[in-house]
């Protein structure tokens, strides 16, 4: 496992032990970066209006379209570090 993958794995563990639950915008950002890093560009149809949470997640992930896997991993690691620091 390379160094970036190790840092990413550690960040995914660290996010579970944050001192406070992040707000909805932060959670969507974490979700989008994680999905982009692990699954690549968004796929599947956009959920309907009645599925507000699924639609918000889809839209957040779609906003990362084209972001390289490594770039998404670095952004995720940095974002978790900022959340841990209370930024």
PDB file of N, CA and C in Angstrom:
ATOM      1  N   UNK A   1       0.849  -1.176   0.000  1.00  0.00           N
ATOM      2  CA  UNK A   1       0.000   0.000   0.000  1.00  0.00           C
ATOM      3  C   UNK A   1       0.897   1.242   0.000  1.00  0.00           C
ATOM      4  N   UNK A   2       0.614   2.153  -0.912  1.00  0.00           N
ATOM      5  CA  UNK A   2       1.450   3.346  -0.987  1.00  0.00           C
ATOM      6  C   UNK A   2       1.091   4.341   0.121  1.00  0.00           C
ATOM      7  N   UNK A   3       1.927   5.349   0.259  1.00  0.00           N
ATOM      8  CA  UNK A   3       1.791   6.315   1.353  1.00  0.00           C
ATOM      9  C   UNK A   3       0.468   7.080   1.288  1.00  0.00           C
ATOM     10  N   UNK A   4       0.048   7.480   0.098  1.00  0.00           N
ATOM     11  CA  UNK A   4      -1.218   8.216  -0.032  1.00  0.00           C
ATOM     12  C   UNK A   4      -2.392   7.325   0.383  1.00  0.00           C
ATOM     13  N   UNK A   5      -2.384   6.088  -0.036  1.00  0.00           N
ATOM     14  CA  UNK A   5      -3.455   5.162   0.331  1.00  0.00           C
ATOM     15  C   UNK A   5      -3.486   4.961   1.848  1.00  0.00           C
ATOM     16  N   UNK A   6      -2.329   4.891   2.478  1.00  0.00           N
ATOM     17  CA  UNK A   6      -2.273   4.749   3.931  1.00  0.00           C
ATOM     18  C   UNK A   6      -2.845   5.979   4.628  1.00  0.00           C
ATOM     19  N   UNK A   7      -2.489   7.157   4.137  1.00  0.00           N
ATOM     20  CA  UNK A   7      -3.021   8.402   4.715  1.00  0.00           C
ATOM     21  C   UNK A   7      -4.535   8.472   4.544  1.00  0.00           C
ATOM     22  N   UNK A   8      -5.024   8.054   3.372  1.00  0.00           N
ATOM     23  CA  UNK A   8      -6.458   8.058   3.089  1.00  0.00           C
ATOM     24  C   UNK A   8      -7.182   7.086   4.030  1.00  0.00           C
ATOM     25  N   UNK A   9      -6.650   5.898   4.182  1.00  0.00           N
ATOM     26  CA  UNK A   9      -7.246   4.899   5.073  1.00  0.00           C
ATOM     27  C   UNK A   9      -7.283   5.419   6.503  1.00  0.00           C
ATOM     28  N   UNK A  10      -6.208   6.042   6.936  1.00  0.00           N
ATOM     29  CA  UNK A  10      -6.157   6.621   8.291  1.00  0.00           C
ATOM     30  C   UNK A  10      -7.202   7.720   8.443  1.00  0.00           C
ATOM     31  N   UNK A  11      -7.370   8.554   7.415  1.00  0.00           N
ATOM     32  CA  UNK A  11      -8.366   9.630   7.466  1.00  0.00           C
ATOM     33  C   UNK A  11      -9.776   9.062   7.549  1.00  0.00           C
ATOM     34  N   UNK A  12     -10.043   7.958   6.837  1.00  0.00           N
ATOM     35  CA  UNK A  12     -11.370   7.344   6.918  1.00  0.00           C
ATOM     36  C   UNK A  12     -11.645   6.809   8.323  1.00  0.00           C
ATOM     37  N   UNK A  13     -10.601   6.390   9.011  1.00  0.00           N
ATOM     38  CA  UNK A  13     -10.749   5.950  10.401  1.00  0.00           C
ATOM     39  C   UNK A  13     -10.907   7.152  11.330  1.00  0.00           C
ATOM     40  N   UNK A  14     -10.115   8.187  11.088  1.00  0.00           N
ATOM     41  CA  UNK A  14     -10.154   9.389  11.936  1.00  0.00           C
ATOM     42  C   UNK A  14     -11.505  10.087  11.878  1.00  0.00           C
ATOM     43  N   UNK A  15     -12.149  10.055  10.735  1.00  0.00           N
ATOM     44  CA  UNK A  15     -13.425  10.757  10.591  1.00  0.00           C
ATOM     45  C   UNK A  15     -14.491  10.144  11.503  1.00  0.00           C
ATOM     46  N   UNK A  16     -14.313   8.885  11.864  1.00  0.00           N
ATOM     47  CA  UNK A  16     -15.263   8.220  12.758  1.00  0.00           C
ATOM     48  C   UNK A  16     -15.109   8.668  14.213  1.00  0.00           C
ATOM     49  N   UNK A  17     -13.980   9.314  14.527  1.00  0.00           N
ATOM     50  CA  UNK A  17     -13.711   9.702  15.907  1.00  0.00           C
ATOM     51  C   UNK A  17     -13.564  11.221  16.070  1.00  0.00           C
ATOM     52  N   UNK A  18     -14.179  11.976  15.191  1.00  0.00           N
ATOM     53  CA  UNK A  18     -14.130  13.436  15.328  1.00  0.00           C
ATOM     54  C   UNK A  18     -14.806  13.843  16.630  1.00  0.00           C
ATOM     55  N   UNK A  19     -14.311  14.902  17.274  1.00  0.00           N
ATOM     56  CA  UNK A  19     -14.884  15.309  18.554  1.00  0.00           C
ATOM     57  C   UNK A  19     -16.346  15.759  18.451  1.00  0.00           C
ATOM     58  N   UNK A  20     -16.728  16.293  17.318  1.00  0.00           N
ATOM     59  CA  UNK A  20     -18.115  16.738  17.122  1.00  0.00           C
ATOM     60  C   UNK A  20     -18.590  16.290  15.738  1.00  0.00           C
ATOM     61  N   UNK A  21     -19.870  16.012  15.637  1.00  0.00           N
ATOM     62  CA  UNK A  21     -20.437  15.612  14.346  1.00  0.00           C
ATOM     63  C   UNK A  21     -20.397  16.802  13.396  1.00  0.00           C
ATOM     64  N   UNK A  22     -19.821  16.607  12.208  1.00  0.00           N
ATOM     65  CA  UNK A  22     -19.781  17.707  11.239  1.00  0.00           C
ATOM     66  C   UNK A  22     -21.195  18.076  10.768  1.00  0.00           C
ATOM     67  N   UNK A  23     -21.343  19.290  10.293  1.00  0.00           N
ATOM     68  CA  UNK A  23     -22.617  19.738   9.745  1.00  0.00           C
ATOM     69  C   UNK A  23     -22.912  19.049   8.416  1.00  0.00           C
ATOM     70  N   UNK A  24     -24.110  19.283   7.909  1.00  0.00           N
ATOM     71  CA  UNK A  24     -24.539  18.629   6.671  1.00  0.00           C
ATOM     72  C   UNK A  24     -23.635  18.946   5.491  1.00  0.00           C
ATOM     73  N   UNK A  25     -23.210  20.189   5.358  1.00  0.00           N
ATOM     74  CA  UNK A  25     -22.340  20.556   4.233  1.00  0.00           C
ATOM     75  C   UNK A  25     -21.013  19.812   4.311  1.00  0.00           C
ATOM     76  N   UNK A  26     -20.465  19.700   5.510  1.00  0.00           N
ATOM     77  CA  UNK A  26     -19.206  18.981   5.693  1.00  0.00           C
ATOM     78  C   UNK A  26     -19.390  17.498   5.408  1.00  0.00           C
ATOM     79  N   UNK A  27     -20.500  16.937   5.849  1.00  0.00           N
ATOM     80  CA  UNK A  27     -20.764  15.525   5.591  1.00  0.00           C
ATOM     81  C   UNK A  27     -20.903  15.252   4.097  1.00  0.00           C
ATOM     82  N   UNK A  28     -21.561  16.157   3.390  1.00  0.00           N
ATOM     83  CA  UNK A  28     -21.689  15.999   1.936  1.00  0.00           C
ATOM     84  C   UNK A  28     -20.335  16.094   1.249  1.00  0.00           C
ATOM     85  N   UNK A  29     -19.489  16.993   1.716  1.00  0.00           N
ATOM     86  CA  UNK A  29     -18.148  17.132   1.139  1.00  0.00           C
ATOM     87  C   UNK A  29     -17.333  15.866   1.394  1.00  0.00           C
ATOM     88  N   UNK A  30     -17.398  15.344   2.599  1.00  0.00           N
ATOM     89  CA  UNK A  30     -16.698  14.094   2.915  1.00  0.00           C
ATOM     90  C   UNK A  30     -17.202  12.959   2.034  1.00  0.00           C
ATOM     91  N   UNK A  31     -18.513  12.861   1.894  1.00  0.00           N
ATOM     92  CA  UNK A  31     -19.107  11.806   1.066  1.00  0.00           C
ATOM     93  C   UNK A  31     -18.631  11.925  -0.377  1.00  0.00           C
ATOM     94  N   UNK A  32     -18.708  13.130  -0.925  1.00  0.00           N
ATOM     95  CA  UNK A  32     -18.348  13.334  -2.328  1.00  0.00           C
ATOM     96  C   UNK A  32     -16.880  13.018  -2.575  1.00  0.00           C
ATOM     97  N   UNK A  33     -16.008  13.484  -1.709  1.00  0.00           N
ATOM     98  CA  UNK A  33     -14.583  13.203  -1.880  1.00  0.00           C
ATOM     99  C   UNK A  33     -14.285  11.718  -1.717  1.00  0.00           C
ATOM    100  N   UNK A  34     -14.931  11.070  -0.753  1.00  0.00           N
ATOM    101  CA  UNK A  34     -14.722   9.634  -0.550  1.00  0.00           C
ATOM    102  C   UNK A  34     -15.168   8.853  -1.783  1.00  0.00           C
ATOM    103  N   UNK A  35     -16.361   9.160  -2.272  1.00  0.00           N
ATOM    104  CA  UNK A  35     -16.875   8.438  -3.441  1.00  0.00           C
ATOM    105  C   UNK A  35     -16.005   8.678  -4.671  1.00  0.00           C
ATOM    106  N   UNK A  36     -15.553   9.911  -4.859  1.00  0.00           N
ATOM    107  CA  UNK A  36     -14.704  10.211  -6.016  1.00  0.00           C
ATOM    108  C   UNK A  36     -13.388   9.451  -5.910  1.00  0.00           C
ATOM    109  N   UNK A  37     -12.860   9.358  -4.702  1.00  0.00           N
ATOM    110  CA  UNK A  37     -11.584   8.665  -4.491  1.00  0.00           C
ATOM    111  C   UNK A  37     -11.725   7.149  -4.645  1.00  0.00           C
ATOM    112  N   UNK A  38     -12.869   6.614  -4.292  1.00  0.00           N
ATOM    113  CA  UNK A  38     -13.029   5.166  -4.298  1.00  0.00           C
ATOM    114  C   UNK A  38     -13.778   4.614  -5.504  1.00  0.00           C
ATOM    115  N   UNK A  39     -14.656   5.410  -6.107  1.00  0.00           N
ATOM    116  CA  UNK A  39     -15.487   4.903  -7.207  1.00  0.00           C
ATOM    117  C   UNK A  39     -15.343   5.695  -8.498  1.00  0.00           C
ATOM    118  N   UNK A  40     -14.647   6.832  -8.452  1.00  0.00           N
ATOM    119  CA  UNK A  40     -14.508   7.651  -9.659  1.00  0.00           C
ATOM    120  C   UNK A  40     -15.725   8.530  -9.866  1.00  0.00           C
ATOM    121  N   UNK A  41     -15.923   8.945 -11.112  1.00  0.00           N
ATOM    122  CA  UNK A  41     -17.023   9.856 -11.427  1.00  0.00           C
ATOM    123  C   UNK A  41     -18.383   9.227 -11.099  1.00  0.00           C
ATOM    124  N   UNK A  42     -19.319  10.109 -10.751  1.00  0.00           N
ATOM    125  CA  UNK A  42     -20.669   9.687 -10.393  1.00  0.00           C
ATOM    126  C   UNK A  42     -21.283   8.898 -11.544  1.00  0.00           C
ATOM    127  N   UNK A  43     -22.080   7.917 -11.181  1.00  0.00           N
ATOM    128  CA  UNK A  43     -22.794   7.131 -12.176  1.00  0.00           C
ATOM    129  C   UNK A  43     -24.217   6.892 -11.674  1.00  0.00           C
ATOM    130  N   UNK A  44     -25.079   6.533 -12.572  1.00  0.00           N
ATOM    131  CA  UNK A  44     -26.475   6.322 -12.216  1.00  0.00           C
ATOM    132  C   UNK A  44     -27.280   7.585 -12.392  1.00  0.00           C
ATOM    133  N   UNK A  45     -28.564   7.411 -12.422  1.00  0.00           N
ATOM    134  CA  UNK A  45     -29.486   8.536 -12.611  1.00  0.00           C
ATOM    135  C   UNK A  45     -29.584   9.367 -11.339  1.00  0.00           C
ATOM    136  N   UNK A  46     -29.838  10.638 -11.513  1.00  0.00           N
ATOM    137  CA  UNK A  46     -30.036  11.537 -10.376  1.00  0.00           C
ATOM    138  C   UNK A  46     -31.349  11.169  -9.700  1.00  0.00           C
ATOM    139  N   UNK A  47     -31.343  10.963  -8.380  1.00  0.00           N
ATOM    140  CA  UNK A  47     -32.586  10.614  -7.671  1.00  0.00           C
ATOM    141  C   UNK A  47     -33.646  11.696  -7.812  1.00  0.00           C
ATOM    142  N   UNK A  48     -34.891  11.303  -7.665  1.00  0.00           N
ATOM    143  CA  UNK A  48     -36.014  12.223  -7.793  1.00  0.00           C
ATOM    144  C   UNK A  48     -36.117  13.206  -6.639  1.00  0.00           C
ATOM    145  N   UNK A  49     -37.024  14.149  -6.781  1.00  0.00           N
ATOM    146  CA  UNK A  49     -37.210  15.212  -5.782  1.00  0.00           C
ATOM    147  C   UNK A  49     -37.612  14.694  -4.406  1.00  0.00           C
ATOM    148  N   UNK A  50     -38.281  13.554  -4.349  1.00  0.00           N
ATOM    149  CA  UNK A  50     -38.733  13.028  -3.062  1.00  0.00           C
ATOM    150  C   UNK A  50     -37.609  12.378  -2.270  1.00  0.00           C
ATOM    151  N   UNK A  51     -36.516  12.089  -2.923  1.00  0.00           N
ATOM    152  CA  UNK A  51     -35.354  11.494  -2.253  1.00  0.00           C
ATOM    153  C   UNK A  51     -34.317  12.585  -2.015  1.00  0.00           C
ATOM    154  N   UNK A  52     -34.623  13.476  -1.087  1.00  0.00           N
ATOM    155  CA  UNK A  52     -33.790  14.662  -0.900  1.00  0.00           C
ATOM    156  C   UNK A  52     -32.361  14.337  -0.464  1.00  0.00           C
ATOM    157  N   UNK A  53     -32.186  13.398   0.447  1.00  0.00           N
ATOM    158  CA  UNK A  53     -30.847  13.062   0.930  1.00  0.00           C
ATOM    159  C   UNK A  53     -30.041  12.418  -0.196  1.00  0.00           C
ATOM    160  N   UNK A  54     -30.639  11.448  -0.877  1.00  0.00           N
ATOM    161  CA  UNK A  54     -29.946  10.776  -1.980  1.00  0.00           C
ATOM    162  C   UNK A  54     -29.613  11.769  -3.090  1.00  0.00           C
ATOM    163  N   UNK A  55     -30.509  12.695  -3.346  1.00  0.00           N
ATOM    164  CA  UNK A  55     -30.285  13.704  -4.382  1.00  0.00           C
ATOM    165  C   UNK A  55     -29.132  14.633  -3.994  1.00  0.00           C
ATOM    166  N   UNK A  56     -29.084  15.039  -2.727  1.00  0.00           N
ATOM    167  CA  UNK A  56     -28.002  15.915  -2.253  1.00  0.00           C
ATOM    168  C   UNK A  56     -26.658  15.197  -2.349  1.00  0.00           C
ATOM    169  N   UNK A  57     -26.633  13.926  -1.983  1.00  0.00           N
ATOM    170  CA  UNK A  57     -25.398  13.152  -2.081  1.00  0.00           C
ATOM    171  C   UNK A  57     -24.958  13.017  -3.539  1.00  0.00           C
ATOM    172  N   UNK A  58     -25.895  12.706  -4.403  1.00  0.00           N
ATOM    173  CA  UNK A  58     -25.590  12.568  -5.831  1.00  0.00           C
ATOM    174  C   UNK A  58     -25.028  13.878  -6.388  1.00  0.00           C
ATOM    175  N   UNK A  59     -25.673  14.985  -6.052  1.00  0.00           N
ATOM    176  CA  UNK A  59     -25.231  16.290  -6.551  1.00  0.00           C
ATOM    177  C   UNK A  59     -23.851  16.662  -6.028  1.00  0.00           C
ATOM    178  N   UNK A  60     -23.584  16.358  -4.759  1.00  0.00           N
ATOM    179  CA  UNK A  60     -22.265  16.656  -4.187  1.00  0.00           C
ATOM    180  C   UNK A  60     -21.189  15.845  -4.895  1.00  0.00           C
ATOM    181  N   UNK A  61     -21.467  14.574  -5.137  1.00  0.00           N
ATOM    182  CA  UNK A  61     -20.516  13.710  -5.829  1.00  0.00           C
ATOM    183  C   UNK A  61     -20.346  14.164  -7.274  1.00  0.00           C
ATOM    184  N   UNK A  62     -21.443  14.520  -7.940  1.00  0.00           N
ATOM    185  CA  UNK A  62     -21.377  14.973  -9.332  1.00  0.00           C
ATOM    186  C   UNK A  62     -20.521  16.234  -9.469  1.00  0.00           C
ATOM    187  N   UNK A  63     -20.487  17.051  -8.422  1.00  0.00           N
ATOM    188  CA  UNK A  63     -19.684  18.278  -8.452  1.00  0.00           C
ATOM    189  C   UNK A  63     -18.185  17.967  -8.512  1.00  0.00           C
ATOM    190  N   UNK A  64     -17.808  16.752  -8.153  1.00  0.00           N
ATOM    191  CA  UNK A  64     -16.391  16.348  -8.176  1.00  0.00           C
ATOM    192  C   UNK A  64     -16.015  15.659  -9.494  1.00  0.00           C
ATOM    193  N   UNK A  65     -16.939  15.596 -10.433  1.00  0.00           N
ATOM    194  CA  UNK A  65     -16.700  14.895 -11.701  1.00  0.00           C
ATOM    195  C   UNK A  65     -15.416  15.405 -12.359  1.00  0.00           C
ATOM    196  N   UNK A  66     -14.600  14.458 -12.779  1.00  0.00           N
ATOM    197  CA  UNK A  66     -13.346  14.796 -13.443  1.00  0.00           C
ATOM    198  C   UNK A  66     -12.163  14.908 -12.503  1.00  0.00           C
ATOM    199  N   UNK A  67     -12.412  14.941 -11.206  1.00  0.00           N
ATOM    200  CA  UNK A  67     -11.318  15.015 -10.231  1.00  0.00           C
ATOM    201  C   UNK A  67     -10.586  13.671 -10.217  1.00  0.00           C
ATOM    202  N   UNK A  68      -9.281  13.712 -10.301  1.00  0.00           N
ATOM    203  CA  UNK A  68      -8.481  12.492 -10.300  1.00  0.00           C
ATOM    204  C   UNK A  68      -8.580  11.791  -8.950  1.00  0.00           C
ATOM    205  N   UNK A  69      -8.425  10.476  -8.966  1.00  0.00           N
ATOM    206  CA  UNK A  69      -8.505   9.665  -7.749  1.00  0.00           C
ATOM    207  C   UNK A  69      -7.536  10.174  -6.684  1.00  0.00           C
ATOM    208  N   UNK A  70      -6.279  10.365  -7.060  1.00  0.00           N
ATOM    209  CA  UNK A  70      -5.282  10.826  -6.093  1.00  0.00           C
ATOM    210  C   UNK A  70      -5.614  12.217  -5.563  1.00  0.00           C
ATOM    211  N   UNK A  71      -6.099  13.075  -6.426  1.00  0.00           N
ATOM    212  CA  UNK A  71      -6.482  14.438  -6.018  1.00  0.00           C
ATOM    213  C   UNK A  71      -7.627  14.376  -4.997  1.00  0.00           C
ATOM    214  N   UNK A  72      -8.592  13.497  -5.237  1.00  0.00           N
ATOM    215  CA  UNK A  72      -9.715  13.344  -4.308  1.00  0.00           C
ATOM    216  C   UNK A  72      -9.238  12.783  -2.971  1.00  0.00           C
ATOM    217  N   UNK A  73      -8.293  11.855  -3.021  1.00  0.00           N
ATOM    218  CA  UNK A  73      -7.758  11.290  -1.780  1.00  0.00           C
ATOM    219  C   UNK A  73      -7.039  12.353  -0.959  1.00  0.00           C
ATOM    220  N   UNK A  74      -6.225  13.152  -1.607  1.00  0.00           N
ATOM    221  CA  UNK A  74      -5.502  14.226  -0.917  1.00  0.00           C
ATOM    222  C   UNK A  74      -6.496  15.224  -0.325  1.00  0.00           C
ATOM    223  N   UNK A  75      -7.506  15.600  -1.099  1.00  0.00           N
ATOM    224  CA  UNK A  75      -8.510  16.549  -0.617  1.00  0.00           C
ATOM    225  C   UNK A  75      -9.256  15.984   0.588  1.00  0.00           C
ATOM    226  N   UNK A  76      -9.565  14.695   0.562  1.00  0.00           N
ATOM    227  CA  UNK A  76     -10.251  14.047   1.682  1.00  0.00           C
ATOM    228  C   UNK A  76      -9.374  14.078   2.931  1.00  0.00           C
ATOM    229  N   UNK A  77      -8.123  13.686   2.781  1.00  0.00           N
ATOM    230  CA  UNK A  77      -7.186  13.679   3.910  1.00  0.00           C
ATOM    231  C   UNK A  77      -7.065  15.090   4.496  1.00  0.00           C
ATOM    232  N   UNK A  78      -6.909  16.091   3.640  1.00  0.00           N
ATOM    233  CA  UNK A  78      -6.778  17.471   4.099  1.00  0.00           C
ATOM    234  C   UNK A  78      -8.055  17.955   4.788  1.00  0.00           C
ATOM    235  N   UNK A  79      -9.210  17.572   4.246  1.00  0.00           N
ATOM    236  CA  UNK A  79     -10.484  18.009   4.817  1.00  0.00           C
ATOM    237  C   UNK A  79     -10.691  17.395   6.203  1.00  0.00           C
ATOM    238  N   UNK A  80     -10.372  16.114   6.342  1.00  0.00           N
ATOM    239  CA  UNK A  80     -10.485  15.469   7.653  1.00  0.00           C
ATOM    240  C   UNK A  80      -9.535  16.135   8.655  1.00  0.00           C
ATOM    241  N   UNK A  81      -8.328  16.452   8.207  1.00  0.00           N
ATOM    242  CA  UNK A  81      -7.367  17.117   9.096  1.00  0.00           C
ATOM    243  C   UNK A  81      -7.922  18.469   9.555  1.00  0.00           C
ATOM    244  N   UNK A  82      -8.550  19.202   8.642  1.00  0.00           N
ATOM    245  CA  UNK A  82      -9.141  20.506   8.998  1.00  0.00           C
ATOM    246  C   UNK A  82     -10.279  20.325   9.989  1.00  0.00           C
ATOM    247  N   UNK A  83     -11.099  19.297   9.799  1.00  0.00           N
ATOM    248  CA  UNK A  83     -12.192  19.041  10.734  1.00  0.00           C
ATOM    249  C   UNK A  83     -11.661  18.660  12.117  1.00  0.00           C
ATOM    250  N   UNK A  84     -10.596  17.870  12.133  1.00  0.00           N
ATOM    251  CA  UNK A  84      -9.982  17.489  13.411  1.00  0.00           C
ATOM    252  C   UNK A  84      -9.425  18.705  14.132  1.00  0.00           C
ATOM    253  N   UNK A  85      -8.894  19.653  13.365  1.00  0.00           N
ATOM    254  CA  UNK A  85      -8.311  20.856  13.951  1.00  0.00           C
ATOM    255  C   UNK A  85      -9.383  21.864  14.356  1.00  0.00           C
ATOM    256  N   UNK A  86     -10.624  21.586  13.994  1.00  0.00           N
ATOM    257  CA  UNK A  86     -11.716  22.482  14.355  1.00  0.00           C
ATOM    258  C   UNK A  86     -11.928  23.629  13.394  1.00  0.00           C
ATOM    259  N   UNK A  87     -11.386  23.492  12.177  1.00  0.00           N
ATOM    260  CA  UNK A  87     -11.534  24.565  11.181  1.00  0.00           C
ATOM    261  C   UNK A  87     -12.915  24.588  10.593  1.00  0.00           C
TER     262      UNK A  87
END
